[in-house]
Amino acid sequence: MYIGWLRAGFMGATLVGSAFILPSFLMALVLAALYVHFGSLPWIQGMFYGIGAAVIAIIARSAIKLVRTTVGKDLLLWVVFAVLALTTAVTQSEIVWLFILSGFVAMLIKAPLSLVRVDSMFSFAVVAPLLTGIHGVAALATVGVLFLFFLKAGAFVFGSGLAIVPFLYGGVVVKFHWLTGRQFVDAVAVAMITPGPVVITSAFIGFLVAGFLGAVVAAAAVFAPPFLIVVFGAPYYRRFAQNPQVKAFVQGVTAAAVGAIAGAAYILARRSLVDLPTAIIAIATLAMLLAIKKIPEPVLILAAGAIGVLLHGTR
């Protein structure tokens, strides 16, 4: 979106964002519809039995890579990472104010503000089929809550695309009980299969909750904040990107996001690695990801799904 803004302003950001999101959105819609109508079939359940284990390995590998690139050997960032990983694992949700606090703590320690800098910084019946999800027809109030939840997710989640996973889990499974833990892992797996961003899982989740309209509302809500940030914030980005306080704040928030991803991996692993075969699939997938750097993740996911069908899909 930012590149589109650089080339053609608002229209460029809009077109690039639409082109980036639309293919995966359509794929997620198709997969969600198939999941709703055929998800109870043994071979479908077997496929997701294997895929869920592979997804855990992919999330774990992403957390390892992000720790190396963002936390490194910085003791403060390791503390932030550990605190967020622990709180996410224990509370089973992503606590937004801890992200903000992590940013300010890093800023105060790494690049404390002087009074001069403080002053300068402060200067800137037809509807029913569209609403049908896995629990039947959803109420319009549910669609409204769905929109507000994903709008908040898009506005407050920082870092890698996987950083949204613990945030979504806390709302979708723990707070609103829209999906079970197993269904949530399946939703993340679908996002991994599509070539687009991980947050396209919002469309899959929205479809399961409230049908086609839920998918549109959830996807639009989760992508609206970054789009608006690009359009309205891009003119100021270069002015503040190298500011030491801003850089320190972003470092703290990023370390917090990586910790949340690690905590999410633990939460989801408890629900996906249910027996020895799933544990073996996860370990083997993680080993291949670490050993073979350029192996496509969708290939591993589909291979794990095939193994799941062989092991579990004929029961």
Protein backbone atom coordinates (compact mmCIF):
# COMPACT_ATOMS: atom_id res chain seq x y z
CA MET A 1 0.00 0.00 0.00
CA TYR A 2 2.83 2.39 0.84
CA ILE A 3 4.54 1.68 -2.48
CA GLY A 4 1.25 2.35 -4.24
CA TRP A 5 0.94 5.63 -2.35
CA LEU A 6 4.46 6.63 -3.42
CA ARG A 7 3.63 6.00 -7.06
CA ALA A 8 0.08 7.33 -7.33
CA GLY A 9 -1.14 8.69 -4.01
CA PHE A 10 -4.54 7.66 -2.63
CA MET A 11 -5.61 5.88 -5.82
CA GLY A 12 -2.34 3.96 -5.97
CA ALA A 13 -2.67 2.78 -2.37
CA THR A 14 -6.28 1.76 -3.01
CA LEU A 15 -5.54 -0.22 -6.16
CA VAL A 16 -2.47 -1.95 -4.74
CA GLY A 17 -4.29 -2.83 -1.52
CA SER A 18 -7.26 -4.24 -3.46
CA ALA A 19 -5.05 -6.28 -5.80
CA PHE A 20 -3.03 -7.59 -2.86
CA ILE A 21 -6.06 -8.67 -0.82
CA LEU A 22 -8.69 -9.76 -3.37
CA PRO A 23 -7.19 -13.08 -4.64
CA SER A 24 -6.62 -14.48 -1.15
CA PHE A 25 -9.99 -13.14 -0.01
CA LEU A 26 -11.76 -15.07 -2.78
CA MET A 27 -9.73 -18.20 -1.98
CA ALA A 28 -10.65 -17.88 1.70
CA LEU A 29 -14.34 -17.53 0.78
CA VAL A 30 -14.28 -20.70 -1.31
CA LEU A 31 -12.42 -22.67 1.35
CA ALA A 32 -14.73 -21.37 4.09
CA ALA A 33 -17.83 -22.41 2.12
CA LEU A 34 -16.37 -25.88 1.57
CA TYR A 35 -15.42 -26.09 5.25
CA VAL A 36 -18.93 -25.17 6.40
CA HIS A 37 -20.65 -27.67 4.10
CA PHE A 38 -18.17 -30.57 4.06
CA GLY A 39 -16.11 -30.06 7.24
CA SER A 40 -17.71 -33.05 8.95
CA LEU A 41 -16.47 -35.50 6.32
CA PRO A 42 -13.78 -37.85 7.70
CA TRP A 43 -11.20 -37.03 5.03
CA ILE A 44 -11.63 -33.27 5.58
CA GLN A 45 -11.17 -33.73 9.32
CA GLY A 46 -8.16 -35.92 8.66
CA MET A 47 -6.64 -33.29 6.38
CA PHE A 48 -6.92 -30.56 9.00
CA TYR A 49 -5.65 -33.02 11.63
CA GLY A 50 -2.33 -33.02 9.78
CA ILE A 51 -2.42 -29.40 8.66
CA GLY A 52 -2.93 -28.12 12.21
CA ALA A 53 0.30 -29.76 13.34
CA ALA A 54 2.22 -28.25 10.43
CA VAL A 55 0.83 -24.80 11.17
CA ILE A 56 2.19 -24.97 14.70
CA ALA A 57 5.65 -25.69 13.29
CA ILE A 58 5.38 -22.75 10.88
CA ILE A 59 4.37 -20.37 13.66
CA ALA A 60 7.22 -21.67 15.83
CA ARG A 61 9.73 -21.22 12.99
CA SER A 62 8.46 -17.67 12.40
CA ALA A 63 8.90 -16.87 16.08
CA ILE A 64 12.48 -18.22 15.98
CA LYS A 65 13.33 -16.13 12.89
CA LEU A 66 11.78 -13.00 14.38
CA VAL A 67 13.66 -13.47 17.66
CA ARG A 68 16.93 -13.62 15.73
CA THR A 69 16.20 -10.54 13.61
CA THR A 70 14.37 -8.29 16.07
CA VAL A 71 15.48 -9.29 19.58
CA GLY A 72 19.02 -10.47 18.90
CA LYS A 73 21.29 -10.06 21.93
CA ASP A 74 19.46 -7.08 23.42
CA LEU A 75 18.73 -7.91 27.07
CA LEU A 76 15.88 -5.38 27.38
CA LEU A 77 14.13 -6.75 24.31
CA TRP A 78 14.56 -10.29 25.64
CA VAL A 79 12.79 -9.24 28.85
CA VAL A 80 9.94 -7.70 26.82
CA PHE A 81 9.74 -10.83 24.67
CA ALA A 82 9.62 -13.15 27.70
CA VAL A 83 6.96 -11.10 29.50
CA LEU A 84 4.65 -11.00 26.48
CA ALA A 85 5.19 -14.69 25.68
CA LEU A 86 4.30 -15.62 29.26
CA THR A 87 1.28 -13.34 29.57
CA THR A 88 -0.08 -14.47 26.20
CA ALA A 89 0.33 -18.14 27.11
CA VAL A 90 -1.28 -17.68 30.53
CA THR A 91 -4.14 -15.33 29.62
CA GLN A 92 -4.71 -16.89 26.15
CA SER A 93 -5.17 -13.40 24.73
CA GLU A 94 -3.15 -10.47 23.44
CA ILE A 95 -3.17 -7.53 25.86
CA VAL A 96 -2.95 -4.38 23.77
CA TRP A 97 -1.82 -2.04 26.54
CA LEU A 98 1.22 -4.26 27.19
CA PHE A 99 2.33 -3.64 23.59
CA ILE A 100 2.10 0.11 24.08
CA LEU A 101 3.82 -0.11 27.47
CA SER A 102 6.63 -2.17 25.94
CA GLY A 103 7.20 0.53 23.35
CA PHE A 104 7.37 3.28 25.96
CA VAL A 105 9.66 1.27 28.25
CA ALA A 106 12.07 0.66 25.38
CA MET A 107 11.91 4.33 24.39
CA LEU A 108 12.55 5.60 27.92
CA ILE A 109 15.53 3.27 28.42
CA LYS A 110 17.07 3.35 24.94
CA ALA A 111 16.33 6.94 23.89
CA PRO A 112 15.08 9.07 26.78
CA LEU A 113 13.37 12.28 25.71
CA SER A 114 14.73 15.72 26.46
CA LEU A 115 12.30 18.61 27.02
CA VAL A 116 13.23 20.14 23.66
CA ARG A 117 12.46 16.93 21.83
CA VAL A 118 9.17 16.54 23.66
CA ASP A 119 7.99 19.95 22.43
CA SER A 120 9.00 19.22 18.83
CA MET A 121 7.36 15.78 18.79
CA PHE A 122 4.03 17.07 20.08
CA SER A 123 3.77 19.52 17.17
CA PHE A 124 2.43 16.68 14.82
CA ALA A 125 -34.94 -12.33 3.91
CA VAL A 126 -32.46 -11.47 1.26
CA VAL A 127 -30.02 -10.93 4.04
CA ALA A 128 -30.42 -14.31 5.77
CA PRO A 129 -28.38 -16.43 3.29
CA LEU A 130 -25.58 -13.87 3.51
CA LEU A 131 -25.49 -14.23 7.31
CA THR A 132 -25.44 -18.03 7.50
CA GLY A 133 -22.36 -19.40 9.28
CA ILE A 134 -21.55 -22.63 11.08
CA HIS A 135 -24.09 -21.85 13.82
CA GLY A 136 -26.90 -20.91 11.45
CA VAL A 137 -28.08 -17.39 10.64
CA ALA A 138 -26.15 -14.77 12.62
CA ALA A 139 -27.85 -11.72 14.10
CA LEU A 140 -27.02 -8.29 12.69
CA ALA A 141 -25.73 -7.40 16.16
CA THR A 142 -23.18 -10.20 15.80
CA VAL A 143 -22.05 -8.73 12.48
CA GLY A 144 -21.61 -5.36 14.21
CA VAL A 145 -19.49 -6.90 16.96
CA LEU A 146 -17.53 -8.79 14.32
CA PHE A 147 -16.77 -5.51 12.51
CA LEU A 148 -15.65 -3.68 15.66
CA PHE A 149 -13.50 -6.59 16.81
CA PHE A 150 -11.61 -6.89 13.52
CA LEU A 151 -11.32 -3.12 13.25
CA LYS A 152 -9.60 -3.15 16.63
CA ALA A 153 -7.42 -6.05 15.52
CA GLY A 154 -6.29 -4.18 12.43
CA ALA A 155 -5.62 -1.01 14.40
CA PHE A 156 -3.68 -2.38 17.35
CA VAL A 157 -1.73 -5.43 16.17
CA PHE A 158 1.93 -4.72 15.41
CA GLY A 159 4.78 -6.66 13.84
CA SER A 160 4.60 -9.77 11.68
CA GLY A 161 1.28 -10.87 10.23
CA LEU A 162 1.35 -13.76 12.69
CA ALA A 163 1.17 -11.23 15.52
CA ILE A 164 -2.58 -11.08 14.92
CA VAL A 165 -3.02 -14.78 15.80
CA PRO A 166 -2.97 -14.46 19.62
CA PHE A 167 -5.14 -11.34 19.42
CA LEU A 168 -7.74 -13.14 17.31
CA TYR A 169 -7.63 -16.24 19.49
CA GLY A 170 -8.41 -14.19 22.60
CA GLY A 171 -11.50 -12.69 20.98
CA VAL A 172 -12.79 -15.33 18.58
CA VAL A 173 -12.37 -18.35 20.89
CA VAL A 174 -12.01 -17.14 24.48
CA LYS A 175 -14.21 -14.03 24.65
CA PHE A 176 -16.96 -14.41 22.04
CA HIS A 177 -16.88 -18.23 21.60
CA TRP A 178 -17.53 -17.89 17.88
CA LEU A 179 -15.18 -20.79 17.08
CA THR A 180 -13.68 -23.69 18.96
CA GLY A 181 -9.92 -23.93 19.39
CA ARG A 182 -9.83 -26.61 16.68
CA GLN A 183 -11.79 -24.46 14.23
CA PHE A 184 -9.52 -21.50 14.93
CA VAL A 185 -6.41 -23.54 14.09
CA ASP A 186 -8.13 -24.59 10.87
CA ALA A 187 -8.80 -20.92 10.06
CA VAL A 188 -5.12 -20.05 10.53
CA ALA A 189 -4.19 -23.05 8.38
CA VAL A 190 -6.39 -21.75 5.54
CA ALA A 191 -4.60 -18.40 5.72
CA MET A 192 -1.28 -20.22 5.46
CA ILE A 193 -2.43 -22.08 2.35
CA THR A 194 -3.43 -18.95 0.43
CA PRO A 195 -0.62 -16.84 -1.11
CA GLY A 196 -1.82 -13.63 0.54
CA PRO A 197 -1.31 -12.12 4.00
CA VAL A 198 -1.92 -14.17 7.15
CA VAL A 199 -4.61 -11.74 8.28
CA ILE A 200 -6.82 -12.96 5.43
CA THR A 201 -7.86 -15.53 8.03
CA SER A 202 -10.27 -12.76 9.08
CA ALA A 203 -12.35 -13.51 5.97
CA PHE A 204 -12.47 -17.22 6.78
CA ILE A 205 -13.43 -16.55 10.39
CA GLY A 206 -16.02 -13.98 9.34
CA PHE A 207 -17.61 -16.50 6.95
CA LEU A 208 -17.82 -19.16 9.66
CA VAL A 209 -19.46 -16.68 12.03
CA ALA A 210 -21.87 -14.88 9.69
CA GLY A 211 -21.58 -16.16 6.14
CA PHE A 212 -20.58 -14.07 3.13
CA LEU A 213 -21.47 -10.75 4.77
CA GLY A 214 -19.39 -11.69 7.82
CA ALA A 215 -16.40 -12.42 5.59
CA VAL A 216 -16.68 -9.07 3.82
CA VAL A 217 -17.15 -7.14 7.07
CA ALA A 218 -14.27 -8.86 8.88
CA ALA A 219 -11.81 -8.47 5.99
CA ALA A 220 -12.75 -4.84 5.35
CA ALA A 221 -12.44 -4.00 9.05
CA VAL A 222 -9.05 -5.63 9.57
CA PHE A 223 -7.47 -3.96 6.52
CA ALA A 224 -9.04 -0.52 6.98
CA PRO A 225 -6.68 0.74 9.75
CA PRO A 226 -3.40 -0.03 7.93
CA PHE A 227 -4.84 1.48 4.74
CA LEU A 228 -5.79 4.69 6.56
CA ILE A 229 -2.44 4.78 8.35
CA VAL A 230 -0.65 4.58 4.99
CA VAL A 231 -2.82 7.17 3.28
CA PHE A 232 -2.75 9.71 6.10
CA GLY A 233 0.55 8.80 7.76
CA ALA A 234 2.80 8.31 4.74
CA PRO A 235 3.53 12.04 4.28
CA TYR A 236 5.01 12.13 7.79
CA TYR A 237 6.80 8.78 7.72
CA ARG A 238 10.14 9.97 6.38
CA ARG A 239 10.18 12.86 8.82
CA PHE A 240 9.97 10.62 11.89
CA ALA A 241 11.25 7.21 10.73
CA GLN A 242 14.82 7.85 11.91
CA ASN A 243 13.82 9.60 15.14
CA PRO A 244 15.63 7.71 17.96
CA GLN A 245 12.54 7.74 20.19
CA VAL A 246 10.35 6.37 17.41
CA LYS A 247 12.89 3.66 16.57
CA ALA A 248 13.19 2.61 20.22
CA PHE A 249 9.40 2.54 20.61
CA VAL A 250 9.04 0.35 17.52
CA GLN A 251 11.78 -2.00 18.80
CA GLY A 252 9.91 -2.47 22.07
CA VAL A 253 6.56 -3.07 20.36
CA THR A 254 8.13 -5.50 17.89
CA ALA A 255 9.75 -7.53 20.67
CA ALA A 256 6.36 -7.63 22.38
CA ALA A 257 4.75 -8.87 19.15
CA VAL A 258 7.31 -11.66 18.81
CA GLY A 259 6.66 -12.69 22.41
CA ALA A 260 2.93 -12.80 21.70
CA ILE A 261 3.55 -15.01 18.66
CA ALA A 262 5.60 -17.41 20.79
CA GLY A 263 2.83 -17.48 23.38
CA ALA A 264 0.27 -18.14 20.66
CA ALA A 265 2.33 -21.03 19.35
CA TYR A 266 2.17 -22.62 22.81
CA ILE A 267 -1.60 -22.07 23.09
CA LEU A 268 -2.36 -23.50 19.66
CA ALA A 269 0.07 -26.39 20.12
CA ARG A 270 -1.91 -27.57 23.14
CA ARG A 271 -4.96 -27.90 20.89
CA SER A 272 -3.33 -29.21 17.71
CA LEU A 273 -0.69 -31.64 18.98
CA VAL A 274 -3.18 -34.08 20.45
CA ASP A 275 -1.23 -37.31 20.04
CA LEU A 276 2.10 -38.78 18.94
CA PRO A 277 1.46 -38.55 15.14
CA THR A 278 0.63 -34.83 15.30
CA ALA A 279 3.70 -34.20 17.44
CA ILE A 280 5.85 -36.05 14.91
CA ILE A 281 4.33 -34.08 12.00
CA ALA A 282 5.04 -30.79 13.81
CA ILE A 283 8.63 -31.71 14.70
CA ALA A 284 9.35 -32.98 11.20
CA THR A 285 7.88 -29.85 9.62
CA LEU A 286 9.89 -27.59 11.91
CA ALA A 287 13.08 -29.53 11.17
CA MET A 288 12.52 -29.21 7.41
CA LEU A 289 11.78 -25.48 7.69
CA LEU A 290 14.99 -24.91 9.64
CA ALA A 291 17.14 -27.17 7.44
CA ILE A 292 15.74 -26.27 4.00
CA LYS A 293 15.45 -22.50 3.97
CA LYS A 294 13.52 -22.01 0.72
CA ILE A 295 10.93 -24.77 0.94
CA PRO A 296 7.45 -23.25 0.30
CA GLU A 297 5.23 -23.36 3.38
CA PRO A 298 2.05 -24.27 1.42
CA VAL A 299 3.83 -27.39 0.12
CA LEU A 300 4.54 -28.55 3.67
CA ILE A 301 0.99 -27.75 4.74
CA LEU A 302 -0.53 -29.75 1.90
CA ALA A 303 1.88 -32.63 2.54
CA ALA A 304 0.90 -32.65 6.21
CA GLY A 305 -2.75 -32.62 5.16
CA ALA A 306 -2.19 -35.65 2.95
CA ILE A 307 -0.49 -37.48 5.82
CA GLY A 308 -3.41 -36.55 8.05
CA VAL A 309 -5.86 -38.04 5.57
CA LEU A 310 -3.86 -41.29 5.48
CA LEU A 311 -3.62 -41.49 9.26
CA HIS A 312 -6.96 -40.14 10.34
CA GLY A 313 -9.21 -39.53 7.35
CA THR A 314 -10.56 -43.04 6.92
CA ARG A 315 -11.75 -43.52 10.50
